[in-house]
Amino acid sequence: MGAPSAAAVLERHFLELRCTLLDMAAAFDRMERAGGFAAVASDPRLAKLHEGLKILQSSGDDRAERIQLLFSDPYVEGWKQK
């Protein structure tokens, strides 16, 4: 059996993806409505989330890999010996 068609993948994942987008939008809204947003506006974690959203909007079939790398620590040669 071959890989599913793009239409089948969309059908299978649409509601879950919609829910995830709504959840993310609500979290960003709560953050901005909360007191002290200016203090976290320059937080590097928030910048990474925004960068992840840009990756999602880009084209290609490696978005998951790029987002994983965005949130991963860089590889350090000899890390186990330290």
N, C-alpha and C. Protein backbone atom coordinates (compact mmCIF):
# COMPACT_ATOMS: atom_id res chain seq x y z
N MET A 1 0.85 -1.19 0.00
CA MET A 1 0.00 0.00 0.00
C MET A 1 0.89 1.24 0.00
N GLY A 2 0.63 2.17 -0.88
CA GLY A 2 1.45 3.36 -1.03
C GLY A 2 1.13 4.41 0.02
N ALA A 3 1.86 5.49 -0.06
CA ALA A 3 1.65 6.62 0.85
C ALA A 3 0.27 7.22 0.60
N PRO A 4 -0.36 7.74 1.64
CA PRO A 4 -1.68 8.36 1.45
C PRO A 4 -1.57 9.63 0.62
N SER A 5 -2.65 9.98 -0.04
CA SER A 5 -2.67 11.20 -0.85
C SER A 5 -2.71 12.43 0.08
N ALA A 6 -2.35 13.56 -0.50
CA ALA A 6 -2.40 14.81 0.26
C ALA A 6 -3.82 15.08 0.77
N ALA A 7 -4.82 14.76 -0.06
CA ALA A 7 -6.21 14.96 0.35
C ALA A 7 -6.56 14.09 1.55
N ALA A 8 -6.06 12.86 1.57
CA ALA A 8 -6.33 11.96 2.69
C ALA A 8 -5.65 12.46 3.97
N VAL A 9 -4.44 12.98 3.83
CA VAL A 9 -3.72 13.51 4.99
C VAL A 9 -4.45 14.74 5.54
N LEU A 10 -4.89 15.63 4.65
CA LEU A 10 -5.66 16.80 5.08
C LEU A 10 -6.94 16.37 5.79
N GLU A 11 -7.65 15.44 5.21
CA GLU A 11 -8.90 14.95 5.82
C GLU A 11 -8.65 14.39 7.21
N ARG A 12 -7.59 13.64 7.36
CA ARG A 12 -7.28 12.99 8.62
C ARG A 12 -6.85 13.98 9.70
N HIS A 13 -6.11 15.03 9.32
CA HIS A 13 -5.48 15.91 10.31
C HIS A 13 -6.12 17.30 10.44
N PHE A 14 -7.08 17.64 9.61
CA PHE A 14 -7.61 19.00 9.60
C PHE A 14 -8.12 19.46 10.96
N LEU A 15 -8.98 18.70 11.60
CA LEU A 15 -9.55 19.14 12.87
C LEU A 15 -8.49 19.27 13.96
N GLU A 16 -7.56 18.35 14.00
CA GLU A 16 -6.48 18.42 14.99
C GLU A 16 -5.61 19.66 14.76
N LEU A 17 -5.29 19.93 13.50
CA LEU A 17 -4.48 21.10 13.19
C LEU A 17 -5.24 22.39 13.52
N ARG A 18 -6.51 22.42 13.19
CA ARG A 18 -7.34 23.59 13.51
C ARG A 18 -7.34 23.84 15.01
N CYS A 19 -7.50 22.78 15.78
CA CYS A 19 -7.51 22.87 17.25
C CYS A 19 -6.17 23.39 17.77
N THR A 20 -5.08 22.90 17.20
CA THR A 20 -3.75 23.34 17.62
C THR A 20 -3.56 24.82 17.33
N LEU A 21 -3.99 25.28 16.17
CA LEU A 21 -3.87 26.69 15.84
C LEU A 21 -4.70 27.56 16.79
N LEU A 22 -5.91 27.13 17.09
CA LEU A 22 -6.75 27.88 18.03
C LEU A 22 -6.12 27.91 19.42
N ASP A 23 -5.56 26.80 19.86
CA ASP A 23 -4.91 26.73 21.16
C ASP A 23 -3.71 27.69 21.21
N MET A 24 -2.92 27.71 20.15
CA MET A 24 -1.78 28.61 20.10
C MET A 24 -2.23 30.08 20.08
N ALA A 25 -3.23 30.38 19.29
CA ALA A 25 -3.73 31.75 19.24
C ALA A 25 -4.24 32.20 20.60
N ALA A 26 -4.94 31.32 21.29
CA ALA A 26 -5.47 31.66 22.61
C ALA A 26 -4.34 31.90 23.61
N ALA A 27 -3.29 31.09 23.55
CA ALA A 27 -2.15 31.27 24.45
C ALA A 27 -1.45 32.61 24.18
N PHE A 28 -1.25 32.95 22.91
CA PHE A 28 -0.65 34.25 22.58
C PHE A 28 -1.55 35.40 23.04
N ASP A 29 -2.87 35.25 22.86
CA ASP A 29 -3.81 36.28 23.32
C ASP A 29 -3.74 36.45 24.83
N ARG A 30 -3.73 35.33 25.58
CA ARG A 30 -3.65 35.41 27.04
C ARG A 30 -2.36 36.11 27.48
N MET A 31 -1.26 35.79 26.80
CA MET A 31 0.01 36.39 27.14
C MET A 31 -0.04 37.91 26.95
N GLU A 32 -0.59 38.34 25.82
CA GLU A 32 -0.63 39.77 25.53
C GLU A 32 -1.62 40.51 26.42
N ARG A 33 -2.69 39.84 26.86
CA ARG A 33 -3.67 40.48 27.75
C ARG A 33 -3.17 40.52 29.19
N ALA A 34 -2.28 39.64 29.55
CA ALA A 34 -1.79 39.57 30.93
C ALA A 34 -0.92 40.78 31.24
N GLY A 35 -0.86 41.12 32.50
CA GLY A 35 0.00 42.22 32.91
C GLY A 35 1.45 41.85 32.70
N GLY A 36 2.24 42.84 32.35
CA GLY A 36 3.67 42.65 32.21
C GLY A 36 4.12 42.04 30.90
N PHE A 37 3.30 42.13 29.86
CA PHE A 37 3.71 41.55 28.58
C PHE A 37 4.97 42.19 28.05
N ALA A 38 5.14 43.49 28.28
CA ALA A 38 6.33 44.18 27.78
C ALA A 38 7.60 43.53 28.31
N ALA A 39 7.53 42.97 29.51
CA ALA A 39 8.71 42.34 30.12
C ALA A 39 9.09 41.05 29.42
N VAL A 40 8.14 40.38 28.79
CA VAL A 40 8.46 39.11 28.10
C VAL A 40 8.49 39.26 26.58
N ALA A 41 8.16 40.43 26.09
CA ALA A 41 8.12 40.64 24.63
C ALA A 41 9.46 40.35 23.97
N SER A 42 10.55 40.52 24.70
CA SER A 42 11.88 40.26 24.12
C SER A 42 12.47 38.94 24.62
N ASP A 43 11.64 38.10 25.25
CA ASP A 43 12.11 36.80 25.74
C ASP A 43 12.52 35.93 24.55
N PRO A 44 13.70 35.32 24.61
CA PRO A 44 14.15 34.49 23.49
C PRO A 44 13.22 33.31 23.19
N ARG A 45 12.51 32.81 24.19
CA ARG A 45 11.56 31.71 23.94
C ARG A 45 10.42 32.18 23.06
N LEU A 46 9.95 33.38 23.31
CA LEU A 46 8.87 33.94 22.50
C LEU A 46 9.36 34.17 21.07
N ALA A 47 10.60 34.64 20.94
CA ALA A 47 11.18 34.83 19.61
C ALA A 47 11.26 33.50 18.86
N LYS A 48 11.61 32.43 19.57
CA LYS A 48 11.67 31.11 18.93
C LYS A 48 10.29 30.65 18.49
N LEU A 49 9.27 30.92 19.30
CA LEU A 49 7.91 30.56 18.90
C LEU A 49 7.51 31.29 17.62
N HIS A 50 7.84 32.57 17.55
CA HIS A 50 7.52 33.34 16.34
C HIS A 50 8.31 32.82 15.14
N GLU A 51 9.57 32.45 15.36
CA GLU A 51 10.37 31.87 14.28
C GLU A 51 9.76 30.54 13.83
N GLY A 52 9.29 29.75 14.79
CA GLY A 52 8.62 28.49 14.44
C GLY A 52 7.39 28.72 13.59
N LEU A 53 6.64 29.77 13.89
CA LEU A 53 5.46 30.09 13.08
C LEU A 53 5.87 30.48 11.65
N LYS A 54 6.98 31.19 11.53
CA LYS A 54 7.47 31.53 10.18
C LYS A 54 7.85 30.26 9.41
N ILE A 55 8.48 29.32 10.11
CA ILE A 55 8.84 28.06 9.45
C ILE A 55 7.58 27.34 8.99
N LEU A 56 6.53 27.34 9.84
CA LEU A 56 5.27 26.69 9.45
C LEU A 56 4.69 27.31 8.18
N GLN A 57 4.86 28.60 8.02
CA GLN A 57 4.30 29.28 6.86
C GLN A 57 5.14 29.10 5.60
N SER A 58 6.35 28.61 5.76
CA SER A 58 7.22 28.42 4.61
C SER A 58 6.85 27.14 3.86
N SER A 59 7.43 26.98 2.70
CA SER A 59 7.16 25.76 1.94
C SER A 59 8.27 24.74 2.18
N GLY A 60 8.03 23.54 1.73
CA GLY A 60 9.01 22.48 1.87
C GLY A 60 8.43 21.31 2.65
N ASP A 61 9.12 20.19 2.56
CA ASP A 61 8.63 19.01 3.28
C ASP A 61 9.52 18.68 4.48
N ASP A 62 10.23 19.71 4.98
CA ASP A 62 11.13 19.50 6.12
C ASP A 62 10.85 20.48 7.27
N ARG A 63 9.63 20.99 7.33
CA ARG A 63 9.29 21.96 8.38
C ARG A 63 9.43 21.38 9.77
N ALA A 64 9.00 20.15 9.97
CA ALA A 64 9.12 19.53 11.30
C ALA A 64 10.59 19.46 11.72
N GLU A 65 11.45 19.08 10.79
CA GLU A 65 12.89 19.00 11.09
C GLU A 65 13.44 20.37 11.45
N ARG A 66 13.07 21.39 10.68
CA ARG A 66 13.58 22.74 10.95
C ARG A 66 13.10 23.27 12.29
N ILE A 67 11.85 22.98 12.65
CA ILE A 67 11.34 23.42 13.95
C ILE A 67 12.02 22.65 15.07
N GLN A 68 12.23 21.36 14.88
CA GLN A 68 12.94 20.57 15.89
C GLN A 68 14.34 21.14 16.12
N LEU A 69 15.03 21.47 15.04
CA LEU A 69 16.38 22.03 15.16
C LEU A 69 16.34 23.40 15.82
N LEU A 70 15.31 24.19 15.55
CA LEU A 70 15.17 25.50 16.16
C LEU A 70 15.14 25.40 17.68
N PHE A 71 14.46 24.38 18.20
CA PHE A 71 14.31 24.24 19.64
C PHE A 71 15.34 23.29 20.27
N SER A 72 16.27 22.81 19.48
CA SER A 72 17.29 21.88 19.99
C SER A 72 18.56 22.63 20.34
N ASP A 73 19.27 22.10 21.31
CA ASP A 73 20.60 22.63 21.62
C ASP A 73 21.55 22.21 20.52
N PRO A 74 22.52 23.04 20.22
CA PRO A 74 23.50 22.65 19.19
C PRO A 74 24.33 21.47 19.68
N TYR A 75 24.76 20.64 18.74
CA TYR A 75 25.57 19.49 19.08
C TYR A 75 26.96 19.95 19.52
N VAL A 76 27.42 19.39 20.61
CA VAL A 76 28.75 19.71 21.13
C VAL A 76 29.59 18.45 21.07
N GLU A 77 30.64 18.53 20.26
CA GLU A 77 31.55 17.39 20.13
C GLU A 77 32.14 17.06 21.51
N GLY A 78 32.16 15.78 21.83
CA GLY A 78 32.73 15.31 23.09
C GLY A 78 31.88 15.60 24.31
N TRP A 79 30.60 15.85 24.13
CA TRP A 79 29.71 16.20 25.24
C TRP A 79 29.69 15.13 26.34
N LYS A 80 29.84 13.89 25.96
CA LYS A 80 29.74 12.80 26.94
C LYS A 80 30.94 12.77 27.88
N GLN A 81 32.08 13.23 27.41
CA GLN A 81 33.27 13.20 28.23
C GLN A 81 33.33 14.37 29.22
N LYS A 82 32.53 15.37 29.01
CA LYS A 82 32.57 16.57 29.87
C LYS A 82 31.85 16.35 31.18
